[in-house]
Amino acid sequence: MKSVYFVVGARPQFMKAAPVLEAMKSYSDIKVKLIHTGQHYDYNLSQQFFEELSIPEPDYQLNCGSGTSIEQYATILQRLGEVLSNDKPHMLVVFGDTNSTGAAALCANLLGIKLAHVEAGLREFDKNIPEEINKMVTDALSDLYFCPTKTASDFLEKRMVPGKVILSGDPVLDLLFANRDLVDNNLILDNLNISNDNYIFATFHRQNNTNNKNALYSILKTFSEASLPVLLPLHPRTRKAIDGFGLNNYLNHPNIIVTEPIGFWDTQTLISKSNMVLTDSGGVIKEAYFHNKYVVILDTQTEWVEVINEGRGVICGPDTIKALQHLKKKISLGPNGFAMGKGDASKIISKEISDFLM
């Protein structure tokens, strides 16, 4: 029997892995195991998502925790290396662009294990971005490249990468296509005492924003001056940065509604019922696209270029004046162009893995 091990470690990867793990159940001749690196160890960033997305308990919990990129790479390489050296799976599947992704890809390569990358081919073309390095490392080492967009697959094919490039679509959207009722019937707006289409949904956590006081100040100032209340589920690293730079007063501003990190379905409801979205998160950009919400991007680039090309968002960076100008616009969006798939990515991915291992 062939064996495939999935590696996750952070919130975006749990969402990508859930539908693919479910789809792999159709292949009884493949033994699937799940490894959690523990990169996100906070309950709201980890266990909560396992529960609400019905992800099975990990077969291995590496408990790698936080730290610098070097520390996380070193810890993951050591602990994951022990598991893989002992079990010798036929393939490792990684997701996205976190340190868990890059370190696991390197580990698989060093041990001669075949590698599949879900969300391959995306680029921001800035090697100062940690996520970009993880993208590059992983795509340099993969055997199967599962691309969420045609832009991504075209990029890899032009570079003649030594592996199979598959335009799969994005598996996170599989969850949304299949479970619209969990979004539409969610009561979180009542719990937060906010009304439909009368708020802006916001997130930010990228290091180039949270490690820079001026950028952090500009983003918080944008939230405080927005024409509608800004709902802000606050990432622990972002809160720590706000505290460190002495900008805590903004968390008490009447125009900013701060919550703890929230679950996947609550997040989707809050995006879908918002007036607009403000974020530097690639995942939230993608989800706003699905829900037909205009997104003001608090970063200087995005790998989800289809959002820009279809006129469904704008790149502002941490620029208060520019962001506020776009937040004031009245924008009506029709159905999106399905640039990130139509809800069958997980079936495509699982079949390609099975075919590869035959």
Protein backbone atom coordinates (compact mmCIF):
# COMPACT_ATOMS: atom_id res chain seq x y z
CA MET A 1 0.00 0.00 0.00
CA LYS A 2 1.26 3.47 -0.90
CA SER A 3 1.44 6.11 1.84
CA VAL A 4 0.92 9.87 1.59
CA TYR A 5 1.64 12.22 4.48
CA PHE A 6 0.07 15.66 4.68
CA VAL A 7 1.88 18.44 6.53
CA VAL A 8 0.04 21.42 8.04
CA GLY A 9 1.04 23.98 10.61
CA ALA A 10 -0.93 27.21 10.22
CA ARG A 11 -4.53 28.37 9.78
CA PRO A 12 -4.54 28.69 5.96
CA GLN A 13 -3.21 25.16 5.61
CA PHE A 14 -5.94 23.61 7.74
CA MET A 15 -8.55 25.03 5.37
CA LYS A 16 -6.72 23.82 2.26
CA ALA A 17 -6.09 20.37 3.70
CA ALA A 18 -9.62 19.63 4.96
CA PRO A 19 -11.35 19.03 1.60
CA VAL A 20 -8.32 17.23 0.12
CA LEU A 21 -8.15 14.84 3.08
CA GLU A 22 -11.84 14.14 2.60
CA ALA A 23 -11.37 13.51 -1.13
CA MET A 24 -8.49 11.11 -0.46
CA LYS A 25 -10.94 8.78 1.32
CA SER A 26 -12.04 7.62 -2.13
CA TYR A 27 -8.66 5.93 -2.59
CA SER A 28 -8.63 3.05 -0.14
CA ASP A 29 -5.35 1.76 -1.54
CA ILE A 30 -3.51 4.85 -0.23
CA LYS A 31 -2.68 5.22 3.46
CA VAL A 32 -2.99 8.87 4.49
CA LYS A 33 -1.49 10.39 7.62
CA LEU A 34 -1.55 13.95 8.92
CA ILE A 35 1.38 15.78 10.52
CA HIS A 36 0.86 19.05 12.42
CA THR A 37 4.08 21.02 12.88
CA GLY A 38 2.51 23.19 15.60
CA GLN A 39 3.60 26.42 13.91
CA HIS A 40 0.27 27.89 15.05
CA TYR A 41 -0.20 26.66 18.59
CA ASP A 42 -2.91 29.08 19.78
CA TYR A 43 -6.30 27.31 20.09
CA ASN A 44 -8.13 29.89 17.97
CA LEU A 45 -5.54 29.50 15.22
CA SER A 46 -5.37 25.72 15.28
CA GLN A 47 -7.66 23.36 17.20
CA GLN A 48 -10.79 25.40 16.51
CA PHE A 49 -10.29 24.89 12.78
CA PHE A 50 -9.71 21.17 13.18
CA GLU A 51 -13.03 20.87 14.98
CA GLU A 52 -15.24 22.95 12.72
CA LEU A 53 -13.76 21.55 9.48
CA SER A 54 -13.90 17.95 10.77
CA ILE A 55 -10.19 17.41 10.23
CA PRO A 56 -9.01 14.20 11.90
CA GLU A 57 -6.63 14.43 14.82
CA PRO A 58 -3.04 14.58 13.56
CA ASP A 59 -1.14 11.32 13.54
CA TYR A 60 1.92 13.33 14.57
CA GLN A 61 2.03 16.59 16.53
CA LEU A 62 5.53 18.07 16.30
CA ASN A 63 4.91 21.00 18.71
CA CYS A 64 7.45 23.22 16.93
CA GLY A 65 5.86 26.47 18.13
CA SER A 66 6.85 30.01 17.26
CA GLY A 67 10.26 31.62 16.76
CA THR A 68 12.29 33.14 13.98
CA SER A 69 12.19 31.63 10.51
CA ILE A 70 15.58 30.03 11.13
CA GLU A 71 14.42 28.54 14.42
CA GLN A 72 11.22 27.19 12.90
CA TYR A 73 13.02 25.72 9.89
CA ALA A 74 15.59 24.03 12.11
CA THR A 75 13.01 22.59 14.51
CA ILE A 76 10.71 21.35 11.75
CA LEU A 77 13.60 19.80 9.82
CA GLN A 78 14.75 17.91 12.88
CA ARG A 79 11.37 16.71 14.17
CA LEU A 80 9.75 16.05 10.81
CA GLY A 81 12.95 14.40 9.62
CA GLU A 82 12.72 11.85 12.43
CA VAL A 83 9.14 10.95 11.49
CA LEU A 84 9.82 10.66 7.77
CA SER A 85 13.06 8.74 8.23
CA ASN A 86 11.24 6.19 10.37
CA ASP A 87 8.01 5.88 8.33
CA LYS A 88 9.38 6.42 4.79
CA PRO A 89 6.12 7.59 3.12
CA HIS A 90 5.94 7.58 -0.67
CA MET A 91 4.83 11.22 -0.90
CA LEU A 92 4.62 14.35 1.21
CA VAL A 93 1.89 16.92 0.49
CA VAL A 94 2.43 20.54 1.60
CA PHE A 95 0.20 23.59 1.36
CA GLY A 96 0.74 27.29 0.71
CA ASP A 97 3.78 29.29 1.73
CA THR A 98 4.47 29.16 5.47
CA ASN A 99 7.69 28.09 7.17
CA SER A 100 6.05 24.70 7.68
CA THR A 101 5.69 24.46 3.89
CA GLY A 102 9.26 25.40 3.02
CA ALA A 103 10.90 23.36 5.77
CA ALA A 104 8.79 20.27 5.00
CA ALA A 105 9.61 20.56 1.29
CA LEU A 106 13.31 20.70 2.03
CA CYS A 107 13.03 17.78 4.44
CA ALA A 108 11.25 15.63 1.84
CA ASN A 109 13.89 16.40 -0.76
CA LEU A 110 16.79 15.57 1.56
CA LEU A 111 15.18 12.22 2.34
CA GLY A 112 14.30 11.34 -1.26
CA ILE A 113 10.52 11.54 -0.73
CA LYS A 114 8.28 12.73 -3.56
CA LEU A 115 6.66 16.11 -2.97
CA ALA A 116 3.32 17.64 -3.96
CA HIS A 117 2.67 21.36 -3.49
CA VAL A 118 -0.90 22.58 -3.19
CA GLU A 119 -1.06 26.28 -4.14
CA ALA A 120 2.00 26.11 -6.36
CA GLY A 121 3.19 28.75 -8.82
CA LEU A 122 2.07 31.88 -6.99
CA ARG A 123 4.61 34.69 -6.82
CA GLU A 124 4.95 38.18 -5.34
CA PHE A 125 8.42 38.77 -6.80
CA ASP A 126 9.92 40.19 -3.62
CA LYS A 127 12.50 38.05 -1.81
CA ASN A 128 12.20 40.26 1.28
CA ILE A 129 8.83 38.59 1.96
CA PRO A 130 9.25 35.40 4.05
CA GLU A 131 6.32 33.74 2.29
CA GLU A 132 7.97 34.35 -1.08
CA ILE A 133 11.06 32.43 -0.02
CA ASN A 134 8.89 29.50 1.08
CA LYS A 135 7.09 29.56 -2.28
CA MET A 136 10.38 29.50 -4.17
CA VAL A 137 11.92 26.74 -2.05
CA THR A 138 8.87 24.52 -2.36
CA ASP A 139 8.36 25.01 -6.08
CA ALA A 140 12.04 24.29 -6.69
CA LEU A 141 11.66 20.84 -5.12
CA SER A 142 8.17 19.60 -6.02
CA ASP A 143 7.14 16.70 -8.23
CA LEU A 144 3.45 17.62 -8.47
CA TYR A 145 2.43 21.27 -8.75
CA PHE A 146 -1.23 21.97 -7.96
CA CYS A 147 -1.91 25.49 -9.19
CA PRO A 148 -4.94 27.47 -8.00
CA THR A 149 -5.01 29.81 -11.02
CA LYS A 150 -4.00 29.82 -14.68
CA THR A 151 -1.55 32.62 -13.90
CA ALA A 152 0.23 30.25 -11.52
CA SER A 153 0.29 27.28 -13.93
CA ASP A 154 1.47 29.49 -16.82
CA PHE A 155 4.31 30.80 -14.65
CA LEU A 156 5.58 27.30 -13.86
CA GLU A 157 5.17 25.98 -17.39
CA LYS A 158 7.16 28.87 -18.84
CA ARG A 159 9.98 27.99 -16.47
CA MET A 160 9.80 24.32 -17.48
CA VAL A 161 9.86 23.07 -13.89
CA PRO A 162 10.89 19.39 -13.52
CA GLY A 163 7.51 18.05 -12.44
CA LYS A 164 3.86 17.84 -13.49
CA VAL A 165 1.93 21.12 -13.46
CA ILE A 166 -1.82 20.78 -12.82
CA LEU A 167 -4.36 23.59 -12.93
CA SER A 168 -6.49 22.38 -10.03
CA GLY A 169 -8.18 25.46 -8.63
CA ASP A 170 -8.11 26.27 -4.93
CA PRO A 171 -9.40 23.64 -2.46
CA VAL A 172 -10.52 26.24 0.10
CA LEU A 173 -13.18 27.32 -2.36
CA ASP A 174 -14.42 23.71 -2.46
CA LEU A 175 -15.52 24.20 1.14
CA LEU A 176 -17.40 27.37 0.23
CA PHE A 177 -19.15 25.94 -2.83
CA ALA A 178 -20.29 22.90 -0.84
CA ASN A 179 -21.40 24.67 2.35
CA ARG A 180 -23.11 27.92 1.44
CA ASP A 181 -25.78 27.29 4.09
CA LEU A 182 -23.16 27.42 6.86
CA VAL A 183 -22.31 30.92 5.69
CA ASP A 184 -25.80 32.21 4.95
CA ASN A 185 -27.40 30.89 8.16
CA ASN A 186 -24.65 31.90 10.57
CA LEU A 187 -25.78 34.17 13.43
CA ILE A 188 -22.45 35.84 14.23
CA LEU A 189 -23.68 39.27 13.11
CA ASP A 190 -26.39 39.12 15.78
CA ASN A 191 -23.83 38.06 18.36
CA LEU A 192 -21.59 41.01 17.48
CA ASN A 193 -24.54 43.41 17.21
CA ILE A 194 -23.63 44.57 13.71
CA SER A 195 -25.84 44.75 10.63
CA ASN A 196 -25.49 43.36 7.13
CA ASP A 197 -23.52 45.57 4.67
CA ASN A 198 -22.87 48.17 7.38
CA TYR A 199 -19.26 47.40 8.28
CA ILE A 200 -15.85 46.74 6.76
CA PHE A 201 -14.16 43.42 7.46
CA ALA A 202 -10.42 43.76 8.12
CA THR A 203 -7.39 41.62 8.91
CA PHE A 204 -3.65 42.17 8.73
CA HIS A 205 -0.66 40.16 9.91
CA ARG A 206 2.14 40.39 7.31
CA GLN A 207 5.55 41.11 8.80
CA ASN A 208 6.19 44.08 6.53
CA ASN A 209 3.16 45.70 8.19
CA THR A 210 3.44 44.47 11.77
CA ASN A 211 7.22 44.99 12.10
CA ASN A 212 7.10 48.57 10.84
CA LYS A 213 5.70 51.20 13.21
CA ASN A 214 4.86 53.66 10.43
CA ALA A 215 3.01 51.00 8.43
CA LEU A 216 1.19 49.80 11.53
CA TYR A 217 0.21 53.34 12.46
CA SER A 218 -1.06 54.07 8.94
CA ILE A 219 -3.21 50.94 8.86
CA LEU A 220 -4.77 51.63 12.26
CA LYS A 221 -5.35 55.25 11.27
CA THR A 222 -7.13 54.03 8.14
CA PHE A 223 -9.40 51.87 10.27
CA SER A 224 -10.18 54.73 12.65
CA GLU A 225 -11.11 57.10 9.80
CA ALA A 226 -13.05 54.67 7.61
CA SER A 227 -16.58 55.69 6.68
CA LEU A 228 -18.01 52.51 8.22
CA PRO A 229 -17.08 50.63 11.41
CA VAL A 230 -14.16 48.28 10.90
CA LEU A 231 -14.48 44.76 12.31
CA LEU A 232 -11.00 43.51 13.18
CA PRO A 233 -10.37 39.91 14.35
CA LEU A 234 -6.90 40.42 15.79
CA HIS A 235 -4.07 38.00 15.07
CA PRO A 236 -1.88 37.43 18.19
CA ARG A 237 1.28 38.60 16.41
CA THR A 238 -0.51 41.76 15.29
CA ARG A 239 -1.71 42.48 18.81
CA LYS A 240 1.81 41.98 20.14
CA ALA A 241 3.17 44.43 17.55
CA ILE A 242 0.52 47.03 18.42
CA ASP A 243 1.44 46.69 22.09
CA GLY A 244 5.15 46.89 21.34
CA PHE A 245 4.85 50.10 19.34
CA GLY A 246 2.56 51.74 21.90
CA LEU A 247 -0.43 52.03 19.55
CA ASN A 248 -2.93 50.37 21.91
CA ASN A 249 -5.17 53.45 21.94
CA TYR A 250 -6.42 52.51 18.48
CA LEU A 251 -7.81 49.24 19.81
CA ASN A 252 -10.24 51.30 21.89
CA HIS A 253 -11.25 53.60 19.04
CA PRO A 254 -15.05 53.70 18.56
CA ASN A 255 -14.74 52.96 14.83
CA ILE A 256 -12.70 49.78 15.36
CA ILE A 257 -14.48 46.66 16.63
CA VAL A 258 -11.79 44.30 17.89
CA THR A 259 -12.48 40.59 18.36
CA GLU A 260 -10.33 37.58 19.14
CA PRO A 261 -9.36 35.37 16.17
CA ILE A 262 -12.48 33.67 14.84
CA GLY A 263 -13.28 30.40 13.15
CA PHE A 264 -13.51 29.62 9.46
CA TRP A 265 -17.27 29.74 9.00
CA ASP A 266 -17.67 32.87 11.12
CA THR A 267 -14.98 34.50 8.99
CA GLN A 268 -16.77 33.57 5.78
CA THR A 269 -20.06 34.98 7.05
CA LEU A 270 -18.42 38.23 8.11
CA ILE A 271 -16.75 38.59 4.72
CA SER A 272 -19.89 37.74 2.77
CA LYS A 273 -22.09 40.18 4.68
CA SER A 274 -19.59 43.05 4.83
CA ASN A 275 -19.65 46.18 2.71
CA MET A 276 -16.00 45.81 1.74
CA VAL A 277 -12.80 44.05 2.85
CA LEU A 278 -9.46 45.49 4.03
CA THR A 279 -6.61 42.99 4.33
CA ASP A 280 -3.03 41.97 3.63
CA SER A 281 -3.94 38.26 3.81
CA GLY A 282 -3.81 36.25 0.61
CA GLY A 283 -6.41 33.88 2.00
CA VAL A 284 -8.88 36.64 2.81
CA ILE A 285 -8.29 38.25 -0.60
CA LYS A 286 -9.22 34.95 -2.22
CA GLU A 287 -12.28 34.51 0.02
CA ALA A 288 -13.46 38.06 -0.72
CA TYR A 289 -13.24 37.18 -4.42
CA PHE A 290 -15.50 34.18 -3.88
CA HIS A 291 -18.04 36.25 -1.92
CA ASN A 292 -18.04 39.07 -4.51
CA LYS A 293 -16.65 41.67 -2.12
CA TYR A 294 -14.32 44.44 -3.22
CA VAL A 295 -11.01 44.21 -1.38
CA VAL A 296 -8.59 47.00 -0.53
CA ILE A 297 -5.21 45.29 -0.20
CA LEU A 298 -2.95 46.57 2.59
CA ASP A 299 0.15 45.26 0.87
CA THR A 300 2.34 46.44 -1.98
CA GLN A 301 1.63 43.37 -4.13
CA THR A 302 -0.55 40.27 -4.29
CA GLU A 303 -0.15 36.82 -5.78
CA TRP A 304 -3.90 36.80 -6.51
CA VAL A 305 -3.55 39.00 -9.58
CA GLU A 306 -6.92 37.87 -10.96
CA VAL A 307 -8.61 40.00 -8.28
CA ILE A 308 -6.91 43.09 -9.67
CA ASN A 309 -7.33 42.11 -13.33
CA GLU A 310 -11.08 41.59 -12.87
CA GLY A 311 -11.48 44.95 -11.09
CA ARG A 312 -12.40 43.31 -7.78
CA GLY A 313 -9.71 44.92 -5.68
CA VAL A 314 -6.91 47.45 -5.50
CA ILE A 315 -3.41 47.41 -4.06
CA CYS A 316 -2.91 50.29 -1.63
CA GLY A 317 -0.23 49.14 0.78
CA PRO A 318 -0.20 50.80 4.22
CA ASP A 319 -1.22 54.14 2.69
CA THR A 320 -4.00 55.85 4.65
CA ILE A 321 -4.93 58.44 2.01
CA LYS A 322 -5.05 55.94 -0.83
CA ALA A 323 -6.98 53.34 1.19
CA LEU A 324 -9.58 55.84 2.39
CA GLN A 325 -10.14 57.05 -1.16
CA HIS A 326 -11.05 53.55 -2.29
CA LEU A 327 -13.14 52.81 0.78
CA LYS A 328 -15.39 55.75 -0.14
CA LYS A 329 -16.14 54.37 -3.60
CA LYS A 330 -19.49 52.81 -4.38
CA ILE A 331 -18.61 49.60 -6.15
CA SER A 332 -21.06 47.04 -7.47
CA LEU A 333 -19.66 43.66 -8.45
CA GLY A 334 -21.29 40.99 -10.56
CA PRO A 335 -20.45 37.29 -10.46
CA ASN A 336 -16.74 36.54 -10.48
CA GLY A 337 -14.90 34.78 -13.28
CA PHE A 338 -14.18 31.53 -11.40
CA ALA A 339 -10.46 32.19 -11.85
CA MET A 340 -9.71 30.13 -8.73
CA GLY A 341 -11.85 27.10 -9.54
CA LYS A 342 -15.42 25.90 -9.44
CA GLY A 343 -15.40 23.68 -6.38
CA ASP A 344 -13.72 20.53 -7.69
CA ALA A 345 -10.07 21.21 -6.79
CA SER A 346 -9.90 18.50 -4.12
CA LYS A 347 -11.14 15.82 -6.50
CA ILE A 348 -8.55 16.86 -9.07
CA ILE A 349 -5.75 16.89 -6.49
CA SER A 350 -6.61 13.51 -4.95
CA LYS A 351 -6.91 11.82 -8.35
CA GLU A 352 -3.57 13.21 -9.55
CA ILE A 353 -1.87 12.00 -6.36
CA SER A 354 -3.37 8.54 -6.84
CA ASP A 355 -2.36 8.42 -10.51
CA PHE A 356 1.18 9.55 -9.69
CA LEU A 357 1.63 6.77 -7.13
CA MET A 358 0.24 3.94 -9.33
